[in-house]
């Protein structure tokens, strides 16, 4: 796991930050819009955005006097790659288990129940 992935997982651990990311799914938004209806103050939202930006989960740009935030698709691709390795291992293990069941003539789940 890379240092950025560690920071990303830490950032995703907070429900307010996850709520901010969910709002950004529809497209870029300024802080004022992101803060609307969240149970924290606008300065707190700005602090959460700083953490998300440091974790490279969001990017920002200036639009006049406002900062507009957007999801960083490259960061989410990196997280997906990380999780894909687990998914691939899980599918490989499932495939092996099914194939073991095929060789014995019994489904793996039924065979396992008899073993216990």
N, C-alpha and C. Protein backbone atom coordinates (compact mmCIF):
# COMPACT_ATOMS: atom_id res chain seq x y z
N UNK A 1 0.85 -1.17 0.00
CA UNK A 1 0.00 0.00 0.00
C UNK A 1 0.90 1.24 0.00
N UNK A 2 0.55 2.19 -0.84
CA UNK A 2 1.35 3.41 -0.95
C UNK A 2 1.00 4.38 0.17
N UNK A 3 1.89 5.35 0.45
CA UNK A 3 1.55 6.37 1.45
C UNK A 3 0.26 7.12 1.11
N UNK A 4 0.03 7.37 -0.18
CA UNK A 4 -1.21 8.06 -0.56
C UNK A 4 -2.43 7.20 -0.28
N UNK A 5 -2.32 5.90 -0.51
CA UNK A 5 -3.44 5.02 -0.21
C UNK A 5 -3.73 4.99 1.29
N UNK A 6 -2.68 5.03 2.12
CA UNK A 6 -2.89 5.13 3.57
C UNK A 6 -3.66 6.40 3.90
N UNK A 7 -3.24 7.51 3.33
CA UNK A 7 -3.91 8.79 3.58
C UNK A 7 -5.35 8.75 3.06
N UNK A 8 -5.56 8.08 1.94
CA UNK A 8 -6.90 7.99 1.39
C UNK A 8 -7.82 7.18 2.30
N UNK A 9 -7.32 6.05 2.80
CA UNK A 9 -8.13 5.25 3.72
C UNK A 9 -8.42 6.03 5.00
N UNK A 10 -7.44 6.74 5.51
CA UNK A 10 -7.67 7.56 6.71
C UNK A 10 -8.74 8.61 6.43
N UNK A 11 -8.65 9.25 5.26
CA UNK A 11 -9.62 10.29 4.90
C UNK A 11 -11.02 9.71 4.76
N UNK A 12 -11.12 8.52 4.21
CA UNK A 12 -12.43 7.89 4.00
C UNK A 12 -13.05 7.38 5.30
N UNK A 13 -12.27 7.34 6.36
CA UNK A 13 -12.77 6.85 7.64
C UNK A 13 -13.74 7.78 8.33
N UNK A 14 -13.86 9.00 7.88
CA UNK A 14 -14.72 9.98 8.53
C UNK A 14 -16.05 10.11 7.76
N UNK A 15 -17.18 10.00 8.46
CA UNK A 15 -18.48 10.06 7.77
C UNK A 15 -18.75 11.41 7.10
N UNK A 16 -18.26 12.50 7.67
CA UNK A 16 -18.47 13.80 7.03
C UNK A 16 -17.71 13.88 5.71
N UNK A 17 -16.51 13.35 5.70
CA UNK A 17 -15.74 13.36 4.44
C UNK A 17 -16.39 12.45 3.40
N UNK A 18 -16.93 11.33 3.83
CA UNK A 18 -17.64 10.47 2.88
C UNK A 18 -18.88 11.17 2.33
N UNK A 19 -19.56 11.93 3.18
CA UNK A 19 -20.73 12.70 2.73
C UNK A 19 -20.32 13.76 1.70
N UNK A 20 -19.19 14.40 1.93
CA UNK A 20 -18.69 15.40 0.99
C UNK A 20 -18.39 14.73 -0.35
N UNK A 21 -17.71 13.59 -0.31
CA UNK A 21 -17.40 12.88 -1.55
C UNK A 21 -18.68 12.47 -2.28
N UNK A 22 -19.67 12.03 -1.55
CA UNK A 22 -20.94 11.63 -2.16
C UNK A 22 -21.59 12.82 -2.87
N UNK A 23 -21.50 14.01 -2.28
CA UNK A 23 -22.06 15.20 -2.92
C UNK A 23 -21.31 15.55 -4.20
N UNK A 24 -20.03 15.26 -4.22
CA UNK A 24 -19.23 15.57 -5.41
C UNK A 24 -19.45 14.59 -6.55
N UNK A 25 -20.17 13.51 -6.30
CA UNK A 25 -20.47 12.56 -7.37
C UNK A 25 -21.26 13.20 -8.50
N UNK A 26 -22.04 14.21 -8.18
CA UNK A 26 -22.86 14.87 -9.20
C UNK A 26 -22.08 15.91 -9.99
N UNK A 27 -20.87 16.24 -9.53
CA UNK A 27 -20.04 17.21 -10.22
C UNK A 27 -19.40 18.19 -9.25
N UNK A 28 -18.53 19.06 -9.76
CA UNK A 28 -17.82 20.03 -8.92
C UNK A 28 -18.78 20.97 -8.19
N UNK A 29 -18.40 21.31 -6.95
CA UNK A 29 -19.21 22.21 -6.13
C UNK A 29 -18.31 23.14 -5.31
N UNK A 30 -18.80 24.36 -5.03
CA UNK A 30 -18.06 25.25 -4.13
C UNK A 30 -18.31 24.83 -2.68
N UNK A 31 -17.47 25.32 -1.78
CA UNK A 31 -17.56 24.97 -0.37
C UNK A 31 -18.95 25.27 0.20
N UNK A 32 -19.51 26.41 -0.19
CA UNK A 32 -20.83 26.80 0.33
C UNK A 32 -21.87 25.73 0.02
N UNK A 33 -21.85 25.21 -1.20
CA UNK A 33 -22.80 24.17 -1.58
C UNK A 33 -22.50 22.85 -0.86
N UNK A 34 -21.23 22.54 -0.72
CA UNK A 34 -20.86 21.30 -0.02
C UNK A 34 -21.28 21.35 1.44
N UNK A 35 -21.19 22.51 2.04
CA UNK A 35 -21.50 22.65 3.46
C UNK A 35 -23.00 22.65 3.75
N UNK A 36 -23.79 22.97 2.74
CA UNK A 36 -25.25 23.05 2.94
C UNK A 36 -25.78 21.73 3.44
N UNK A 37 -26.54 21.77 4.51
CA UNK A 37 -27.21 20.61 5.12
C UNK A 37 -26.28 19.62 5.80
N UNK A 38 -24.99 19.92 5.88
CA UNK A 38 -24.11 19.05 6.65
C UNK A 38 -24.17 19.48 8.12
N UNK A 39 -24.00 18.54 9.04
CA UNK A 39 -24.14 18.87 10.47
C UNK A 39 -22.88 19.53 11.06
N UNK A 40 -22.04 20.13 10.22
CA UNK A 40 -20.83 20.81 10.69
C UNK A 40 -20.76 22.19 10.05
N UNK A 41 -19.95 23.05 10.62
CA UNK A 41 -19.83 24.41 10.13
C UNK A 41 -19.08 24.46 8.79
N UNK A 42 -19.19 25.60 8.11
CA UNK A 42 -18.47 25.76 6.86
C UNK A 42 -16.96 25.69 7.06
N UNK A 43 -16.41 26.31 8.14
CA UNK A 43 -14.97 26.14 8.37
C UNK A 43 -14.58 24.67 8.60
N UNK A 44 -15.45 23.91 9.25
CA UNK A 44 -15.16 22.48 9.46
C UNK A 44 -15.16 21.75 8.12
N UNK A 45 -16.09 22.10 7.24
CA UNK A 45 -16.11 21.49 5.90
C UNK A 45 -14.82 21.82 5.17
N UNK A 46 -14.34 23.04 5.30
CA UNK A 46 -13.08 23.43 4.67
C UNK A 46 -11.92 22.59 5.20
N UNK A 47 -11.93 22.30 6.50
CA UNK A 47 -10.88 21.45 7.07
C UNK A 47 -10.98 20.02 6.51
N UNK A 48 -12.19 19.51 6.39
CA UNK A 48 -12.37 18.18 5.81
C UNK A 48 -11.90 18.16 4.36
N UNK A 49 -12.18 19.23 3.64
CA UNK A 49 -11.73 19.31 2.25
C UNK A 49 -10.21 19.34 2.16
N UNK A 50 -9.58 19.99 3.12
CA UNK A 50 -8.11 20.01 3.14
C UNK A 50 -7.56 18.59 3.29
N UNK A 51 -8.16 17.80 4.18
CA UNK A 51 -7.74 16.41 4.37
C UNK A 51 -7.96 15.61 3.08
N UNK A 52 -9.11 15.80 2.45
CA UNK A 52 -9.41 15.08 1.21
C UNK A 52 -8.45 15.50 0.09
N UNK A 53 -8.09 16.77 0.08
CA UNK A 53 -7.16 17.26 -0.94
C UNK A 53 -5.75 16.70 -0.69
N UNK A 54 -5.31 16.68 0.56
CA UNK A 54 -4.00 16.12 0.89
C UNK A 54 -3.93 14.63 0.53
N UNK A 55 -5.06 13.94 0.64
CA UNK A 55 -5.14 12.53 0.28
C UNK A 55 -5.35 12.36 -1.23
N UNK A 56 -5.40 13.46 -1.93
CA UNK A 56 -5.58 13.50 -3.39
C UNK A 56 -6.91 12.92 -3.84
N UNK A 57 -7.89 12.88 -2.96
CA UNK A 57 -9.21 12.39 -3.34
C UNK A 57 -10.03 13.47 -4.04
N UNK A 58 -9.71 14.73 -3.79
CA UNK A 58 -10.38 15.84 -4.47
C UNK A 58 -9.33 16.80 -5.01
N UNK A 59 -9.75 17.57 -5.99
CA UNK A 59 -8.92 18.66 -6.50
C UNK A 59 -9.76 19.93 -6.38
N UNK A 60 -9.11 21.06 -6.48
CA UNK A 60 -9.85 22.32 -6.41
C UNK A 60 -9.30 23.30 -7.43
N UNK A 61 -10.14 24.27 -7.74
CA UNK A 61 -9.74 25.34 -8.65
C UNK A 61 -10.45 26.62 -8.22
N UNK A 62 -9.85 27.73 -8.56
CA UNK A 62 -10.44 29.03 -8.23
C UNK A 62 -11.46 29.40 -9.31
N UNK A 63 -12.61 29.87 -8.85
CA UNK A 63 -13.62 30.46 -9.74
C UNK A 63 -14.02 31.77 -9.10
N UNK A 64 -13.40 32.84 -9.55
CA UNK A 64 -13.63 34.14 -8.91
C UNK A 64 -13.08 34.11 -7.50
N UNK A 65 -13.93 34.38 -6.53
CA UNK A 65 -13.49 34.38 -5.13
C UNK A 65 -13.76 33.05 -4.44
N UNK A 66 -14.31 32.09 -5.17
CA UNK A 66 -14.66 30.79 -4.58
C UNK A 66 -13.68 29.71 -5.00
N UNK A 67 -13.60 28.67 -4.18
CA UNK A 67 -12.87 27.45 -4.53
C UNK A 67 -13.92 26.41 -4.88
N UNK A 68 -13.73 25.76 -5.99
CA UNK A 68 -14.66 24.72 -6.44
C UNK A 68 -13.91 23.39 -6.37
N UNK A 69 -14.54 22.42 -5.75
CA UNK A 69 -13.92 21.11 -5.51
C UNK A 69 -14.56 20.06 -6.41
N UNK A 70 -13.74 19.09 -6.81
CA UNK A 70 -14.19 17.98 -7.66
C UNK A 70 -13.48 16.71 -7.22
N UNK A 71 -14.09 15.59 -7.53
CA UNK A 71 -13.45 14.30 -7.26
C UNK A 71 -12.23 14.15 -8.16
N UNK A 72 -11.21 13.48 -7.64
CA UNK A 72 -10.02 13.17 -8.42
C UNK A 72 -10.14 11.73 -8.89
N UNK A 73 -10.51 11.51 -10.15
CA UNK A 73 -10.73 10.13 -10.62
C UNK A 73 -9.48 9.26 -10.55
N UNK A 74 -8.30 9.86 -10.66
CA UNK A 74 -7.06 9.07 -10.61
C UNK A 74 -6.88 8.43 -9.23
N UNK A 75 -7.24 9.16 -8.18
CA UNK A 75 -7.11 8.62 -6.82
C UNK A 75 -8.06 7.44 -6.63
N UNK A 76 -9.27 7.56 -7.15
CA UNK A 76 -10.22 6.47 -6.99
C UNK A 76 -9.83 5.27 -7.84
N UNK A 77 -9.19 5.51 -8.97
CA UNK A 77 -8.67 4.40 -9.77
C UNK A 77 -7.58 3.65 -9.00
N UNK A 78 -6.74 4.39 -8.28
CA UNK A 78 -5.69 3.77 -7.47
C UNK A 78 -6.31 2.92 -6.36
N UNK A 79 -7.34 3.44 -5.71
CA UNK A 79 -8.02 2.66 -4.66
C UNK A 79 -8.69 1.42 -5.27
N UNK A 80 -9.26 1.58 -6.42
CA UNK A 80 -9.90 0.44 -7.07
C UNK A 80 -8.87 -0.64 -7.39
N UNK A 81 -7.71 -0.23 -7.89
CA UNK A 81 -6.64 -1.19 -8.16
C UNK A 81 -6.25 -1.94 -6.89
N UNK A 82 -6.19 -1.21 -5.78
CA UNK A 82 -5.84 -1.84 -4.51
C UNK A 82 -6.88 -2.90 -4.14
N UNK A 83 -8.16 -2.55 -4.24
CA UNK A 83 -9.22 -3.50 -3.88
C UNK A 83 -9.35 -4.63 -4.89
N UNK A 84 -9.03 -4.36 -6.14
CA UNK A 84 -9.13 -5.41 -7.16
C UNK A 84 -8.25 -6.60 -6.84
N UNK A 85 -7.10 -6.34 -6.23
CA UNK A 85 -6.24 -7.48 -5.91
C UNK A 85 -6.92 -8.43 -4.91
N UNK A 86 -7.70 -7.89 -3.98
CA UNK A 86 -8.44 -8.74 -3.04
C UNK A 86 -9.58 -9.46 -3.75
N UNK A 87 -10.26 -8.74 -4.63
CA UNK A 87 -11.37 -9.32 -5.38
C UNK A 87 -10.85 -10.46 -6.24
N UNK A 88 -9.72 -10.26 -6.90
CA UNK A 88 -9.12 -11.30 -7.74
C UNK A 88 -8.76 -12.52 -6.90
N UNK A 89 -8.17 -12.30 -5.74
CA UNK A 89 -7.83 -13.43 -4.86
C UNK A 89 -9.08 -14.16 -4.40
N UNK A 90 -10.13 -13.40 -4.07
CA UNK A 90 -11.38 -14.02 -3.62
C UNK A 90 -12.00 -14.85 -4.74
N UNK A 91 -11.99 -14.31 -5.96
CA UNK A 91 -12.54 -15.08 -7.08
C UNK A 91 -11.72 -16.33 -7.37
N UNK A 92 -10.40 -16.21 -7.28
CA UNK A 92 -9.54 -17.38 -7.49
C UNK A 92 -9.81 -18.45 -6.44
N UNK A 93 -9.97 -18.02 -5.18
CA UNK A 93 -10.26 -18.98 -4.11
C UNK A 93 -11.62 -19.64 -4.33
N UNK A 94 -12.59 -18.86 -4.76
CA UNK A 94 -13.91 -19.41 -5.05
C UNK A 94 -13.84 -20.43 -6.19
N UNK A 95 -13.10 -20.08 -7.23
CA UNK A 95 -12.93 -20.99 -8.37
C UNK A 95 -12.29 -22.30 -7.93
N UNK A 96 -11.22 -22.21 -7.11
CA UNK A 96 -10.56 -23.43 -6.62
C UNK A 96 -11.53 -24.28 -5.83
N UNK A 97 -12.33 -23.63 -5.00
CA UNK A 97 -13.28 -24.36 -4.15
C UNK A 97 -14.33 -25.07 -5.00
N UNK A 98 -14.82 -24.39 -6.01
CA UNK A 98 -15.81 -24.99 -6.90
C UNK A 98 -15.20 -26.17 -7.65
N UNK A 99 -13.97 -25.97 -8.13
CA UNK A 99 -13.31 -27.05 -8.86
C UNK A 99 -13.04 -28.25 -7.96
N UNK A 100 -12.72 -28.03 -6.69
CA UNK A 100 -12.53 -29.13 -5.75
C UNK A 100 -13.82 -29.91 -5.59
N UNK A 101 -14.93 -29.20 -5.52
CA UNK A 101 -16.23 -29.84 -5.41
C UNK A 101 -16.54 -30.67 -6.64
N UNK A 102 -16.17 -30.15 -7.81
CA UNK A 102 -16.41 -30.87 -9.06
C UNK A 102 -15.63 -32.18 -9.10
N UNK A 103 -14.41 -32.19 -8.60
CA UNK A 103 -13.58 -33.41 -8.63
C UNK A 103 -14.14 -34.50 -7.71
N UNK A 104 -14.73 -34.11 -6.58
CA UNK A 104 -15.23 -35.11 -5.65
C UNK A 104 -16.64 -35.56 -6.02
N UNK A 105 -17.26 -34.85 -6.95
CA UNK A 105 -18.62 -35.21 -7.33
C UNK A 105 -19.67 -34.58 -6.44
N UNK A 106 -19.24 -33.87 -5.41
CA UNK A 106 -20.18 -33.22 -4.50
C UNK A 106 -19.87 -31.73 -4.47
N UNK A 107 -20.90 -30.88 -4.33
CA UNK A 107 -20.63 -29.45 -4.19
C UNK A 107 -19.79 -29.19 -2.95
N UNK A 108 -18.92 -28.22 -3.03
CA UNK A 108 -18.00 -27.91 -1.92
C UNK A 108 -18.76 -27.58 -0.64
N UNK A 109 -19.90 -26.90 -0.72
CA UNK A 109 -20.64 -26.51 0.49
C UNK A 109 -21.16 -27.74 1.22
N UNK A 110 -21.68 -28.72 0.49
CA UNK A 110 -22.19 -29.94 1.15
C UNK A 110 -21.07 -30.75 1.75
N UNK A 111 -19.94 -30.84 1.05
CA UNK A 111 -18.79 -31.58 1.54
C UNK A 111 -18.27 -30.95 2.84
N UNK A 112 -18.25 -29.60 2.89
CA UNK A 112 -17.75 -28.91 4.07
C UNK A 112 -18.63 -29.17 5.28
N UNK A 113 -19.94 -29.22 5.10
CA UNK A 113 -20.85 -29.48 6.22
C UNK A 113 -20.59 -30.84 6.85
N UNK A 114 -20.29 -31.82 6.04
CA UNK A 114 -20.04 -33.16 6.56
C UNK A 114 -18.71 -33.24 7.29
N UNK A 115 -17.74 -32.40 6.88
CA UNK A 115 -16.42 -32.40 7.51
C UNK A 115 -16.48 -31.88 8.94
N UNK A 116 -17.43 -30.99 9.24
CA UNK A 116 -17.49 -30.35 10.58
C UNK A 116 -18.30 -31.11 11.53
